[in-house]
């Protein structure tokens, strides 16, 4: 009988694709027969390619298979306008598609990695949530992923446990993911005092990696629909961005904040030459100029000299930041081995395999 790793989370952006990549590599390294499955893919847009970019990345890198894409991710529901596009009448059709694909890909397999919906709440209105899908597939237990680096994680864990009990679904264990380094000791303390006594296994604590969970400049450019205006610094599109800083003050005040951060994306208007020049003297990964206002040539020259890309955003500063809040950084091909190192070291595989 196939052993199931169904990755689920209460919150979105919990790193399920990241963990799937790690699980795939670990099972491959152990020589196990396994498959990967994402019941509901989430394409970038409602009216473009229906493929989920995360599934596409996994199929092109760590899990190359002869199985058709529709077997790996049988249902496609875009994040935008999905309330209008999917209603309860689609429930049985979609669940049957998921069940048929699941039965086909799990044949002769020892393990299956299932990447759940963005959150446990997603699609619950139409009965396509993780708990409903698990029940249809005959899966009795899910892996719960917690990403809170605060004591709120305990409330979320027990809320989820109570919800699962109500839905008659069990928890394989809790996997803490993307946890701030300084909070790991507290997680271990909470595990001993509040989790273990309820016989809920903790499968591992994966530290938040700046390198793996930070976006690249190129991802930021795509997210905001921006334009690179200094091709000479195009190599900087691969720069990591650890933090975002908005320049809406005088240059002296901006320097105070710029000196406290590193690898920042500095966002300001194209007409703020003083702020742009101040930022270029500090540790910035990219300069984002809003309102599609072309900067002074001196700014472009200074950026080129330092290899710092300048991205023109077509939106105002507020809208640009709102778009960036929805950014979901992906794992890059050159980071895949680092994912395995982190996953292999931080997860208790004896509890899983």
C-alpha atoms as a PDB file:
ATOM      1  CA  UNK A   1       0.000   0.000   0.000  1.00  0.00           C
ATOM      2  CA  UNK A   2       1.305   3.425  -0.932  1.00  0.00           C
ATOM      3  CA  UNK A   3       2.521   5.640   1.916  1.00  0.00           C
ATOM      4  CA  UNK A   4       1.208   9.200   1.627  1.00  0.00           C
ATOM      5  CA  UNK A   5       2.904  12.493   2.487  1.00  0.00           C
ATOM      6  CA  UNK A   6       0.005  14.950   2.102  1.00  0.00           C
ATOM      7  CA  UNK A   7       1.413  18.436   2.795  1.00  0.00           C
ATOM      8  CA  UNK A   8      -1.178  20.860   4.164  1.00  0.00           C
ATOM      9  CA  UNK A   9      -1.140  24.190   5.975  1.00  0.00           C
ATOM     10  CA  UNK A  10      -3.506  26.622   7.629  1.00  0.00           C
ATOM     11  CA  UNK A  11      -1.663  29.602   6.167  1.00  0.00           C
ATOM     12  CA  UNK A  12      -0.723  30.258   2.553  1.00  0.00           C
ATOM     13  CA  UNK A  13       2.915  30.439   1.393  1.00  0.00           C
ATOM     14  CA  UNK A  14       3.948  27.746   3.842  1.00  0.00           C
ATOM     15  CA  UNK A  15       6.614  26.357   1.499  1.00  0.00           C
ATOM     16  CA  UNK A  16       4.809  23.234   0.251  1.00  0.00           C
ATOM     17  CA  UNK A  17       6.565  23.339  -3.136  1.00  0.00           C
ATOM     18  CA  UNK A  18       9.896  23.775  -1.369  1.00  0.00           C
ATOM     19  CA  UNK A  19       9.166  20.775   0.864  1.00  0.00           C
ATOM     20  CA  UNK A  20       7.936  18.726  -2.102  1.00  0.00           C
ATOM     21  CA  UNK A  21      11.255  19.331  -3.853  1.00  0.00           C
ATOM     22  CA  UNK A  22      13.098  18.218  -0.724  1.00  0.00           C
ATOM     23  CA  UNK A  23      10.922  15.116  -0.241  1.00  0.00           C
ATOM     24  CA  UNK A  24      11.363  14.140  -3.903  1.00  0.00           C
ATOM     25  CA  UNK A  25      15.138  14.395  -3.664  1.00  0.00           C
ATOM     26  CA  UNK A  26      15.260  12.458  -0.390  1.00  0.00           C
ATOM     27  CA  UNK A  27      13.133   9.589  -1.732  1.00  0.00           C
ATOM     28  CA  UNK A  28      15.179   9.557  -4.925  1.00  0.00           C
ATOM     29  CA  UNK A  29      18.382   9.362  -2.889  1.00  0.00           C
ATOM     30  CA  UNK A  30      16.960   6.493  -0.826  1.00  0.00           C
ATOM     31  CA  UNK A  31      16.077   4.593  -3.995  1.00  0.00           C
ATOM     32  CA  UNK A  32      12.338   4.548  -3.250  1.00  0.00           C
ATOM     33  CA  UNK A  33       9.567   4.158  -5.818  1.00  0.00           C
ATOM     34  CA  UNK A  34       7.529   7.330  -5.528  1.00  0.00           C
ATOM     35  CA  UNK A  35       5.402   9.834  -7.368  1.00  0.00           C
ATOM     36  CA  UNK A  36       4.470  13.493  -6.930  1.00  0.00           C
ATOM     37  CA  UNK A  37       0.914  14.809  -7.111  1.00  0.00           C
ATOM     38  CA  UNK A  38      -0.735  18.219  -6.896  1.00  0.00           C
ATOM     39  CA  UNK A  39      -4.517  17.667  -7.117  1.00  0.00           C
ATOM     40  CA  UNK A  40      -5.339  21.300  -7.859  1.00  0.00           C
ATOM     41  CA  UNK A  41      -2.811  23.387  -9.741  1.00  0.00           C
ATOM     42  CA  UNK A  42      -2.845  27.172  -9.506  1.00  0.00           C
ATOM     43  CA  UNK A  43      -1.913  28.872 -12.801  1.00  0.00           C
ATOM     44  CA  UNK A  44      -0.693  32.461 -12.872  1.00  0.00           C
ATOM     45  CA  UNK A  45      -3.798  33.762 -14.612  1.00  0.00           C
ATOM     46  CA  UNK A  46      -7.341  32.720 -15.343  1.00  0.00           C
ATOM     47  CA  UNK A  47      -7.011  33.210 -19.077  1.00  0.00           C
ATOM     48  CA  UNK A  48      -3.467  32.092 -19.942  1.00  0.00           C
ATOM     49  CA  UNK A  49      -1.531  28.831 -19.713  1.00  0.00           C
ATOM     50  CA  UNK A  50      -3.373  26.587 -17.248  1.00  0.00           C
ATOM     51  CA  UNK A  51      -0.168  24.959 -15.980  1.00  0.00           C
ATOM     52  CA  UNK A  52       0.904  25.584 -12.386  1.00  0.00           C
ATOM     53  CA  UNK A  53       4.408  27.149 -12.480  1.00  0.00           C
ATOM     54  CA  UNK A  54       5.512  25.242  -9.370  1.00  0.00           C
ATOM     55  CA  UNK A  55       4.449  21.929 -10.869  1.00  0.00           C
ATOM     56  CA  UNK A  56       6.185  22.860 -14.117  1.00  0.00           C
ATOM     57  CA  UNK A  57       9.403  23.657 -12.271  1.00  0.00           C
ATOM     58  CA  UNK A  58       9.329  20.349 -10.384  1.00  0.00           C
ATOM     59  CA  UNK A  59       8.674  18.372 -13.589  1.00  0.00           C
ATOM     60  CA  UNK A  60      11.515  20.146 -15.381  1.00  0.00           C
ATOM     61  CA  UNK A  61      14.055  19.664 -12.611  1.00  0.00           C
ATOM     62  CA  UNK A  62      13.750  17.101  -9.809  1.00  0.00           C
ATOM     63  CA  UNK A  63      10.903  14.871 -11.009  1.00  0.00           C
ATOM     64  CA  UNK A  64      11.050  14.025 -14.676  1.00  0.00           C
ATOM     65  CA  UNK A  65       8.370  11.514 -15.618  1.00  0.00           C
ATOM     66  CA  UNK A  66       6.630  10.086 -18.672  1.00  0.00           C
ATOM     67  CA  UNK A  67       3.269  10.664 -16.999  1.00  0.00           C
ATOM     68  CA  UNK A  68       1.151  13.393 -18.648  1.00  0.00           C
ATOM     69  CA  UNK A  69       0.854  16.711 -16.828  1.00  0.00           C
ATOM     70  CA  UNK A  70      -2.893  16.097 -16.327  1.00  0.00           C
ATOM     71  CA  UNK A  71      -2.069  13.023 -14.230  1.00  0.00           C
ATOM     72  CA  UNK A  72       0.307  14.968 -11.994  1.00  0.00           C
ATOM     73  CA  UNK A  73      -2.066  17.926 -11.585  1.00  0.00           C
ATOM     74  CA  UNK A  74      -5.528  16.980 -12.912  1.00  0.00           C
ATOM     75  CA  UNK A  75      -7.469  20.117 -11.943  1.00  0.00           C
ATOM     76  CA  UNK A  76      -6.518  23.724 -12.666  1.00  0.00           C
ATOM     77  CA  UNK A  77      -8.090  26.603 -10.716  1.00  0.00           C
ATOM     78  CA  UNK A  78      -6.550  30.082 -11.015  1.00  0.00           C
ATOM     79  CA  UNK A  79      -6.183  32.218  -7.930  1.00  0.00           C
ATOM     80  CA  UNK A  80      -7.716  35.244  -9.650  1.00  0.00           C
ATOM     81  CA  UNK A  81     -11.484  35.171 -10.137  1.00  0.00           C
ATOM     82  CA  UNK A  82     -11.733  31.561  -8.933  1.00  0.00           C
ATOM     83  CA  UNK A  83     -14.900  32.382  -6.979  1.00  0.00           C
ATOM     84  CA  UNK A  84     -16.602  33.250 -10.276  1.00  0.00           C
ATOM     85  CA  UNK A  85     -15.041  30.429 -12.295  1.00  0.00           C
ATOM     86  CA  UNK A  86     -15.700  27.490  -9.946  1.00  0.00           C
ATOM     87  CA  UNK A  87     -19.013  26.641  -8.330  1.00  0.00           C
ATOM     88  CA  UNK A  88     -20.302  23.675  -6.359  1.00  0.00           C
ATOM     89  CA  UNK A  89     -21.624  21.987  -9.521  1.00  0.00           C
ATOM     90  CA  UNK A  90     -18.002  21.314 -10.508  1.00  0.00           C
ATOM     91  CA  UNK A  91     -17.242  19.462  -7.269  1.00  0.00           C
ATOM     92  CA  UNK A  92     -18.042  15.900  -8.367  1.00  0.00           C
ATOM     93  CA  UNK A  93     -16.413  16.359 -11.786  1.00  0.00           C
ATOM     94  CA  UNK A  94     -13.184  17.680 -10.260  1.00  0.00           C
ATOM     95  CA  UNK A  95     -13.076  15.111  -7.450  1.00  0.00           C
ATOM     96  CA  UNK A  96     -13.524  12.309  -9.973  1.00  0.00           C
ATOM     97  CA  UNK A  97     -10.665  13.703 -12.081  1.00  0.00           C
ATOM     98  CA  UNK A  98      -8.454  13.844  -9.003  1.00  0.00           C
ATOM     99  CA  UNK A  99      -9.383  10.316  -7.939  1.00  0.00           C
ATOM    100  CA  UNK A 100      -8.806   8.859 -11.414  1.00  0.00           C
ATOM    101  CA  UNK A 101      -5.384  10.499 -11.695  1.00  0.00           C
ATOM    102  CA  UNK A 102      -4.426   9.432  -8.176  1.00  0.00           C
ATOM    103  CA  UNK A 103      -5.330   5.804  -8.854  1.00  0.00           C
ATOM    104  CA  UNK A 104      -3.273   5.786 -12.047  1.00  0.00           C
ATOM    105  CA  UNK A 105      -0.083   7.368 -10.695  1.00  0.00           C
ATOM    106  CA  UNK A 106       0.034   5.457  -7.399  1.00  0.00           C
ATOM    107  CA  UNK A 107      -0.025   2.037  -9.051  1.00  0.00           C
ATOM    108  CA  UNK A 108       3.116   0.063  -8.034  1.00  0.00           C
ATOM    109  CA  UNK A 109       4.423   3.019  -5.999  1.00  0.00           C
ATOM    110  CA  UNK A 110       5.721   2.907  -2.422  1.00  0.00           C
ATOM    111  CA  UNK A 111       5.330   6.622  -1.660  1.00  0.00           C
ATOM    112  CA  UNK A 112       3.375   9.612  -2.942  1.00  0.00           C
ATOM    113  CA  UNK A 113       4.076  13.265  -2.158  1.00  0.00           C
ATOM    114  CA  UNK A 114       0.885  15.309  -2.374  1.00  0.00           C
ATOM    115  CA  UNK A 115       1.198  19.082  -2.456  1.00  0.00           C
ATOM    116  CA  UNK A 116      -2.003  20.389  -0.936  1.00  0.00           C
ATOM    117  CA  UNK A 117      -3.987  23.534  -1.647  1.00  0.00           C
ATOM    118  CA  UNK A 118      -2.530  26.950  -0.737  1.00  0.00           C
ATOM    119  CA  UNK A 119      -4.347  26.623   2.608  1.00  0.00           C
ATOM    120  CA  UNK A 120      -6.782  24.302   4.366  1.00  0.00           C
ATOM    121  CA  UNK A 121      -9.470  26.948   3.845  1.00  0.00           C
ATOM    122  CA  UNK A 122      -8.979  27.191   0.091  1.00  0.00           C
ATOM    123  CA  UNK A 123     -11.883  25.879  -2.014  1.00  0.00           C
ATOM    124  CA  UNK A 124     -13.841  24.777   1.070  1.00  0.00           C
ATOM    125  CA  UNK A 125     -16.863  26.636  -0.323  1.00  0.00           C
ATOM    126  CA  UNK A 126     -17.129  24.116  -3.176  1.00  0.00           C
ATOM    127  CA  UNK A 127     -15.938  21.021  -1.291  1.00  0.00           C
ATOM    128  CA  UNK A 128     -12.494  20.868  -2.929  1.00  0.00           C
ATOM    129  CA  UNK A 129     -10.473  21.603   0.199  1.00  0.00           C
ATOM    130  CA  UNK A 130      -7.638  19.337   1.390  1.00  0.00           C
ATOM    131  CA  UNK A 131      -9.768  17.435   3.906  1.00  0.00           C
ATOM    132  CA  UNK A 132     -12.437  16.677   1.295  1.00  0.00           C
ATOM    133  CA  UNK A 133      -9.847  15.552  -1.256  1.00  0.00           C
ATOM    134  CA  UNK A 134      -8.119  13.336   1.336  1.00  0.00           C
ATOM    135  CA  UNK A 135     -11.414  11.657   2.223  1.00  0.00           C
ATOM    136  CA  UNK A 136     -12.242  10.959  -1.425  1.00  0.00           C
ATOM    137  CA  UNK A 137      -8.795   9.425  -1.941  1.00  0.00           C
ATOM    138  CA  UNK A 138      -9.059   7.314   1.208  1.00  0.00           C
ATOM    139  CA  UNK A 139      -6.221   9.182   2.934  1.00  0.00           C
ATOM    140  CA  UNK A 140      -6.595   9.233   6.712  1.00  0.00           C
ATOM    141  CA  UNK A 141      -3.710  11.489   7.793  1.00  0.00           C
ATOM    142  CA  UNK A 142      -2.111  14.716   6.604  1.00  0.00           C
ATOM    143  CA  UNK A 143       1.172  16.423   7.428  1.00  0.00           C
ATOM    144  CA  UNK A 144       0.490  19.833   8.975  1.00  0.00           C
ATOM    145  CA  UNK A 145       2.999  22.580   8.129  1.00  0.00           C
ATOM    146  CA  UNK A 146       3.392  25.445  10.605  1.00  0.00           C
ATOM    147  CA  UNK A 147       5.290  28.607   9.638  1.00  0.00           C
ATOM    148  CA  UNK A 148       4.582  30.878  12.617  1.00  0.00           C
ATOM    149  CA  UNK A 149       7.692  32.146  14.405  1.00  0.00           C
ATOM    150  CA  UNK A 150       5.552  33.147  17.369  1.00  0.00           C
ATOM    151  CA  UNK A 151       3.499  31.516  20.101  1.00  0.00           C
ATOM    152  CA  UNK A 152       0.464  31.840  17.829  1.00  0.00           C
ATOM    153  CA  UNK A 153       1.663  28.588  16.281  1.00  0.00           C
ATOM    154  CA  UNK A 154       0.219  26.684  19.265  1.00  0.00           C
ATOM    155  CA  UNK A 155      -3.281  28.123  18.786  1.00  0.00           C
ATOM    156  CA  UNK A 156      -3.073  27.367  15.046  1.00  0.00           C
ATOM    157  CA  UNK A 157      -1.900  23.807  15.686  1.00  0.00           C
ATOM    158  CA  UNK A 158      -4.754  23.029  18.063  1.00  0.00           C
ATOM    159  CA  UNK A 159      -7.301  24.814  15.903  1.00  0.00           C
ATOM    160  CA  UNK A 160      -6.181  22.580  13.033  1.00  0.00           C
ATOM    161  CA  UNK A 161      -6.204  19.470  15.220  1.00  0.00           C
ATOM    162  CA  UNK A 162      -9.774  20.190  16.339  1.00  0.00           C
ATOM    163  CA  UNK A 163     -10.813  20.888  12.750  1.00  0.00           C
ATOM    164  CA  UNK A 164      -9.219  17.641  11.555  1.00  0.00           C
ATOM    165  CA  UNK A 165     -10.938  15.727  14.352  1.00  0.00           C
ATOM    166  CA  UNK A 166     -14.251  17.205  13.213  1.00  0.00           C
ATOM    167  CA  UNK A 167     -13.490  16.200   9.602  1.00  0.00           C
ATOM    168  CA  UNK A 168     -12.321  12.742  10.763  1.00  0.00           C
ATOM    169  CA  UNK A 169      -8.809  13.308   9.421  1.00  0.00           C
ATOM    170  CA  UNK A 170      -5.670  12.609  11.447  1.00  0.00           C
ATOM    171  CA  UNK A 171      -2.294  14.352  11.648  1.00  0.00           C
ATOM    172  CA  UNK A 172       0.840  12.389  10.699  1.00  0.00           C
ATOM    173  CA  UNK A 173       2.820  15.082  12.463  1.00  0.00           C
ATOM    174  CA  UNK A 174       3.758  18.753  12.498  1.00  0.00           C
ATOM    175  CA  UNK A 175       6.497  20.083  10.278  1.00  0.00           C
ATOM    176  CA  UNK A 176       7.733  23.538  11.270  1.00  0.00           C
ATOM    177  CA  UNK A 177       8.971  25.325   8.152  1.00  0.00           C
ATOM    178  CA  UNK A 178      10.559  28.720   7.419  1.00  0.00           C
ATOM    179  CA  UNK A 179      11.145  29.342  11.135  1.00  0.00           C
ATOM    180  CA  UNK A 180      13.278  32.313  12.209  1.00  0.00           C
ATOM    181  CA  UNK A 181      16.581  31.115  13.664  1.00  0.00           C
ATOM    182  CA  UNK A 182      16.081  32.972  16.951  1.00  0.00           C
ATOM    183  CA  UNK A 183      12.690  31.251  17.475  1.00  0.00           C
ATOM    184  CA  UNK A 184      13.849  27.649  17.031  1.00  0.00           C
ATOM    185  CA  UNK A 185      14.745  27.209  20.715  1.00  0.00           C
ATOM    186  CA  UNK A 186      11.255  28.423  21.639  1.00  0.00           C
ATOM    187  CA  UNK A 187       9.686  25.907  19.234  1.00  0.00           C
ATOM    188  CA  UNK A 188      11.641  23.134  20.952  1.00  0.00           C
ATOM    189  CA  UNK A 189      10.398  24.390  24.325  1.00  0.00           C
ATOM    190  CA  UNK A 190       6.792  24.511  23.105  1.00  0.00           C
ATOM    191  CA  UNK A 191       7.146  21.027  21.673  1.00  0.00           C
ATOM    192  CA  UNK A 192       8.144  19.616  25.040  1.00  0.00           C
ATOM    193  CA  UNK A 193       5.581  21.541  27.092  1.00  0.00           C
ATOM    194  CA  UNK A 194       2.537  21.758  24.810  1.00  0.00           C
ATOM    195  CA  UNK A 195       2.729  19.426  21.797  1.00  0.00           C
ATOM    196  CA  UNK A 196       4.302  16.132  22.839  1.00  0.00           C
ATOM    197  CA  UNK A 197       1.828  15.649  25.712  1.00  0.00           C
ATOM    198  CA  UNK A 198      -0.943  15.400  23.113  1.00  0.00           C
ATOM    199  CA  UNK A 199       1.015  12.720  21.246  1.00  0.00           C
ATOM    200  CA  UNK A 200       1.394  14.836  18.101  1.00  0.00           C
ATOM    201  CA  UNK A 201       4.780  14.012  16.535  1.00  0.00           C
ATOM    202  CA  UNK A 202       7.032  16.901  15.499  1.00  0.00           C
ATOM    203  CA  UNK A 203       8.600  15.805  12.216  1.00  0.00           C
ATOM    204  CA  UNK A 204      11.197  18.553  12.094  1.00  0.00           C
ATOM    205  CA  UNK A 205      12.037  22.238  12.374  1.00  0.00           C
ATOM    206  CA  UNK A 206      13.304  23.773   9.147  1.00  0.00           C
ATOM    207  CA  UNK A 207      14.999  27.114   9.599  1.00  0.00           C
ATOM    208  CA  UNK A 208      14.100  30.019   7.326  1.00  0.00           C
ATOM    209  CA  UNK A 209      16.890  30.314   4.787  1.00  0.00           C
ATOM    210  CA  UNK A 210      17.453  33.827   3.475  1.00  0.00           C
ATOM    211  CA  UNK A 211      19.027  32.368   0.362  1.00  0.00           C
ATOM    212  CA  UNK A 212      16.217  29.917  -0.396  1.00  0.00           C
ATOM    213  CA  UNK A 213      13.191  31.957   0.641  1.00  0.00           C
ATOM    214  CA  UNK A 214      14.217  35.395  -0.655  1.00  0.00           C
ATOM    215  CA  UNK A 215      13.115  36.528  -4.125  1.00  0.00           C
ATOM    216  CA  UNK A 216      15.488  37.273  -6.977  1.00  0.00           C
ATOM    217  CA  UNK A 217      15.326  40.635  -8.735  1.00  0.00           C
ATOM    218  CA  UNK A 218      13.998  38.932 -11.859  1.00  0.00           C
ATOM    219  CA  UNK A 219      11.025  37.525  -9.897  1.00  0.00           C
ATOM    220  CA  UNK A 220      10.288  41.023  -8.580  1.00  0.00           C
ATOM    221  CA  UNK A 221      10.448  42.439 -12.101  1.00  0.00           C
ATOM    222  CA  UNK A 222       7.917  39.889 -13.356  1.00  0.00           C
ATOM    223  CA  UNK A 223       5.619  40.370 -10.364  1.00  0.00           C
ATOM    224  CA  UNK A 224       5.264  44.116 -10.852  1.00  0.00           C
ATOM    225  CA  UNK A 225       5.340  44.046 -14.651  1.00  0.00           C
ATOM    226  CA  UNK A 226       8.462  46.182 -14.590  1.00  0.00           C
ATOM    227  CA  UNK A 227      11.044  47.031 -17.232  1.00  0.00           C
ATOM    228  CA  UNK A 228      14.824  46.802 -16.883  1.00  0.00           C
ATOM    229  CA  UNK A 229      16.242  50.065 -18.208  1.00  0.00           C
ATOM    230  CA  UNK A 230      19.974  49.409 -17.783  1.00  0.00           C
ATOM    231  CA  UNK A 231      20.849  46.238 -19.685  1.00  0.00           C
ATOM    232  CA  UNK A 232      24.468  46.745 -18.666  1.00  0.00           C
ATOM    233  CA  UNK A 233      23.490  45.580 -15.174  1.00  0.00           C
ATOM    234  CA  UNK A 234      21.312  42.652 -16.353  1.00  0.00           C
ATOM    235  CA  UNK A 235      23.466  40.156 -14.423  1.00  0.00           C
ATOM    236  CA  UNK A 236      22.014  41.793 -11.297  1.00  0.00           C
ATOM    237  CA  UNK A 237      18.601  40.285 -12.105  1.00  0.00           C
ATOM    238  CA  UNK A 238      19.861  37.237 -10.238  1.00  0.00           C
ATOM    239  CA  UNK A 239      20.522  39.255  -7.055  1.00  0.00           C
ATOM    240  CA  UNK A 240      18.735  38.171  -3.872  1.00  0.00           C
ATOM    241  CA  UNK A 241      16.459  40.661  -2.117  1.00  0.00           C
ATOM    242  CA  UNK A 242      16.220  40.319   1.666  1.00  0.00           C
ATOM    243  CA  UNK A 243      14.034  43.339   2.377  1.00  0.00           C
ATOM    244  CA  UNK A 244      12.027  46.137   0.755  1.00  0.00           C
ATOM    245  CA  UNK A 245      12.500  49.785   1.620  1.00  0.00           C
ATOM    246  CA  UNK A 246      10.333  52.667   0.394  1.00  0.00           C
ATOM    247  CA  UNK A 247      12.045  56.005  -0.143  1.00  0.00           C
ATOM    248  CA  UNK A 248       9.542  58.753   0.691  1.00  0.00           C
ATOM    249  CA  UNK A 249      11.734  60.975   2.848  1.00  0.00           C
ATOM    250  CA  UNK A 250      14.781  63.199   2.417  1.00  0.00           C
ATOM    251  CA  UNK A 251      18.103  61.592   1.523  1.00  0.00           C
ATOM    252  CA  UNK A 252      19.585  61.953   5.035  1.00  0.00           C
ATOM    253  CA  UNK A 253      16.625  60.183   6.614  1.00  0.00           C
ATOM    254  CA  UNK A 254      16.784  57.482   3.912  1.00  0.00           C
ATOM    255  CA  UNK A 255      20.459  56.820   4.689  1.00  0.00           C
ATOM    256  CA  UNK A 256      19.559  56.061   8.295  1.00  0.00           C
ATOM    257  CA  UNK A 257      17.370  53.156   7.144  1.00  0.00           C
ATOM    258  CA  UNK A 258      19.564  52.059   4.235  1.00  0.00           C
ATOM    259  CA  UNK A 259      22.514  51.545   6.579  1.00  0.00           C
ATOM    260  CA  UNK A 260      20.457  49.138   8.695  1.00  0.00           C
ATOM    261  CA  UNK A 261      19.582  46.717   5.893  1.00  0.00           C
ATOM    262  CA  UNK A 262      21.371  44.668   3.294  1.00  0.00           C
ATOM    263  CA  UNK A 263      20.453  43.349  -0.138  1.00  0.00           C
ATOM    264  CA  UNK A 264      17.465  45.686  -0.211  1.00  0.00           C
ATOM    265  CA  UNK A 265      15.064  46.572  -2.991  1.00  0.00           C
ATOM    266  CA  UNK A 266      14.806  50.358  -2.747  1.00  0.00           C
ATOM    267  CA  UNK A 267      11.518  51.740  -4.071  1.00  0.00           C
ATOM    268  CA  UNK A 268      11.087  55.404  -4.908  1.00  0.00           C
ATOM    269  CA  UNK A 269       9.892  57.743  -7.661  1.00  0.00           C
ATOM    270  CA  UNK A 270      11.989  58.196 -10.794  1.00  0.00           C
ATOM    271  CA  UNK A 271      12.125  61.929 -10.119  1.00  0.00           C
ATOM    272  CA  UNK A 272      13.814  61.429  -6.713  1.00  0.00           C
ATOM    273  CA  UNK A 273      17.414  61.602  -7.916  1.00  0.00           C
ATOM    274  CA  UNK A 274      18.686  62.404  -4.419  1.00  0.00           C
ATOM    275  CA  UNK A 275      17.155  59.231  -2.945  1.00  0.00           C
ATOM    276  CA  UNK A 276      18.246  57.044  -5.856  1.00  0.00           C
ATOM    277  CA  UNK A 277      21.861  58.215  -5.560  1.00  0.00           C
ATOM    278  CA  UNK A 278      21.820  57.729  -1.781  1.00  0.00           C
ATOM    279  CA  UNK A 279      20.534  54.169  -2.228  1.00  0.00           C
ATOM    280  CA  UNK A 280      23.158  53.316  -4.834  1.00  0.00           C
ATOM    281  CA  UNK A 281      25.866  54.136  -2.279  1.00  0.00           C
ATOM    282  CA  UNK A 282      24.505  51.463   0.066  1.00  0.00           C
ATOM    283  CA  UNK A 283      23.882  47.686  -0.050  1.00  0.00           C
ATOM    284  CA  UNK A 284      20.952  47.513  -2.468  1.00  0.00           C
ATOM    285  CA  UNK A 285      20.159  44.680  -4.861  1.00  0.00           C
ATOM    286  CA  UNK A 286      17.833  46.679  -7.109  1.00  0.00           C
ATOM    287  CA  UNK A 287      16.431  50.161  -7.551  1.00  0.00           C
ATOM    288  CA  UNK A 288      12.695  50.192  -8.343  1.00  0.00           C
ATOM    289  CA  UNK A 289      11.400  53.475  -9.723  1.00  0.00           C
ATOM    290  CA  UNK A 290       7.620  53.859  -9.633  1.00  0.00           C
ATOM    291  CA  UNK A 291       5.225  55.701 -11.902  1.00  0.00           C
ATOM    292  CA  UNK A 292       7.282  54.692 -14.952  1.00  0.00           C
ATOM    293  CA  UNK A 293       9.323  57.886 -14.549  1.00  0.00           C
ATOM    294  CA  UNK A 294      12.716  57.751 -16.259  1.00  0.00           C
ATOM    295  CA  UNK A 295      15.568  58.708 -13.912  1.00  0.00           C
ATOM    296  CA  UNK A 296      18.379  61.180 -14.455  1.00  0.00           C
ATOM    297  CA  UNK A 297      21.262  59.818 -16.592  1.00  0.00           C
ATOM    298  CA  UNK A 298      23.555  60.198 -13.590  1.00  0.00           C
ATOM    299  CA  UNK A 299      21.465  57.589 -11.734  1.00  0.00           C
ATOM    300  CA  UNK A 300      21.739  55.126 -14.633  1.00  0.00           C
ATOM    301  CA  UNK A 301      25.499  55.665 -14.907  1.00  0.00           C
ATOM    302  CA  UNK A 302      26.004  55.127 -11.163  1.00  0.00           C
ATOM    303  CA  UNK A 303      23.858  51.981 -11.225  1.00  0.00           C
ATOM    304  CA  UNK A 304      25.760  50.591 -14.208  1.00  0.00           C
ATOM    305  CA  UNK A 305      29.098  51.203 -12.476  1.00  0.00           C
ATOM    306  CA  UNK A 306      27.922  49.145  -9.502  1.00  0.00           C
ATOM    307  CA  UNK A 307      26.034  46.489 -11.506  1.00  0.00           C
ATOM    308  CA  UNK A 308      22.720  47.378  -9.842  1.00  0.00           C
ATOM    309  CA  UNK A 309      19.628  46.879 -12.032  1.00  0.00           C
ATOM    310  CA  UNK A 310      17.049  49.637 -12.297  1.00  0.00           C
ATOM    311  CA  UNK A 311      13.456  48.484 -12.763  1.00  0.00           C
ATOM    312  CA  UNK A 312      10.750  50.883 -13.891  1.00  0.00           C
ATOM    313  CA  UNK A 313       7.373  50.034 -12.371  1.00  0.00           C
ATOM    314  CA  UNK A 314       4.271  51.064 -14.325  1.00  0.00           C
ATOM    315  CA  UNK A 315       2.361  51.563 -11.063  1.00  0.00           C
ATOM    316  CA  UNK A 316       2.505  54.090  -8.243  1.00  0.00           C
ATOM    317  CA  UNK A 317       4.438  53.240  -5.089  1.00  0.00           C
ATOM    318  CA  UNK A 318       1.417  51.960  -3.151  1.00  0.00           C
ATOM    319  CA  UNK A 319       0.271  49.645  -5.951  1.00  0.00           C
ATOM    320  CA  UNK A 320       3.819  48.427  -6.528  1.00  0.00           C
ATOM    321  CA  UNK A 321       4.133  47.423  -2.882  1.00  0.00           C
ATOM    322  CA  UNK A 322       0.715  45.740  -2.937  1.00  0.00           C
ATOM    323  CA  UNK A 323       1.847  43.672  -5.913  1.00  0.00           C
ATOM    324  CA  UNK A 324       5.077  42.766  -4.136  1.00  0.00           C
ATOM    325  CA  UNK A 325       3.129  41.574  -1.091  1.00  0.00           C
ATOM    326  CA  UNK A 326       1.664  38.873  -3.324  1.00  0.00           C
ATOM    327  CA  UNK A 327       5.084  37.765  -4.546  1.00  0.00           C
ATOM    328  CA  UNK A 328       5.742  34.073  -4.010  1.00  0.00           C
ATOM    329  CA  UNK A 329       9.491  33.465  -4.419  1.00  0.00           C
ATOM    330  CA  UNK A 330      10.342  30.184  -6.088  1.00  0.00           C
ATOM    331  CA  UNK A 331      13.286  27.841  -5.726  1.00  0.00           C
ATOM    332  CA  UNK A 332      15.884  28.338  -8.455  1.00  0.00           C
ATOM    333  CA  UNK A 333      17.636  25.504 -10.271  1.00  0.00           C
ATOM    334  CA  UNK A 334      20.972  26.370  -8.703  1.00  0.00           C
ATOM    335  CA  UNK A 335      19.411  26.053  -5.217  1.00  0.00           C
ATOM    336  CA  UNK A 336      18.028  22.516  -5.522  1.00  0.00           C
ATOM    337  CA  UNK A 337      20.960  20.773  -3.824  1.00  0.00           C
ATOM    338  CA  UNK A 338      20.737  23.241  -0.940  1.00  0.00           C
ATOM    339  CA  UNK A 339      17.078  22.295  -0.498  1.00  0.00           C
ATOM    340  CA  UNK A 340      18.050  18.642  -0.061  1.00  0.00           C
ATOM    341  CA  UNK A 341      20.804  19.513   2.432  1.00  0.00           C
ATOM    342  CA  UNK A 342      18.392  21.525   4.561  1.00  0.00           C
ATOM    343  CA  UNK A 343      15.514  19.036   4.387  1.00  0.00           C
ATOM    344  CA  UNK A 344      17.701  16.008   5.018  1.00  0.00           C
ATOM    345  CA  UNK A 345      19.300  17.558   8.075  1.00  0.00           C
ATOM    346  CA  UNK A 346      16.243  19.114   9.717  1.00  0.00           C
ATOM    347  CA  UNK A 347      13.549  16.442   9.283  1.00  0.00           C
ATOM    348  CA  UNK A 348      13.308  13.272  11.360  1.00  0.00           C
ATOM    349  CA  UNK A 349      13.084  10.781   8.510  1.00  0.00           C
ATOM    350  CA  UNK A 350      12.856   7.847  10.911  1.00  0.00           C
ATOM    351  CA  UNK A 351       9.329   9.028  11.718  1.00  0.00           C
ATOM    352  CA  UNK A 352       8.369   9.225   8.045  1.00  0.00           C
ATOM    353  CA  UNK A 353      10.119   6.423   6.182  1.00  0.00           C
END
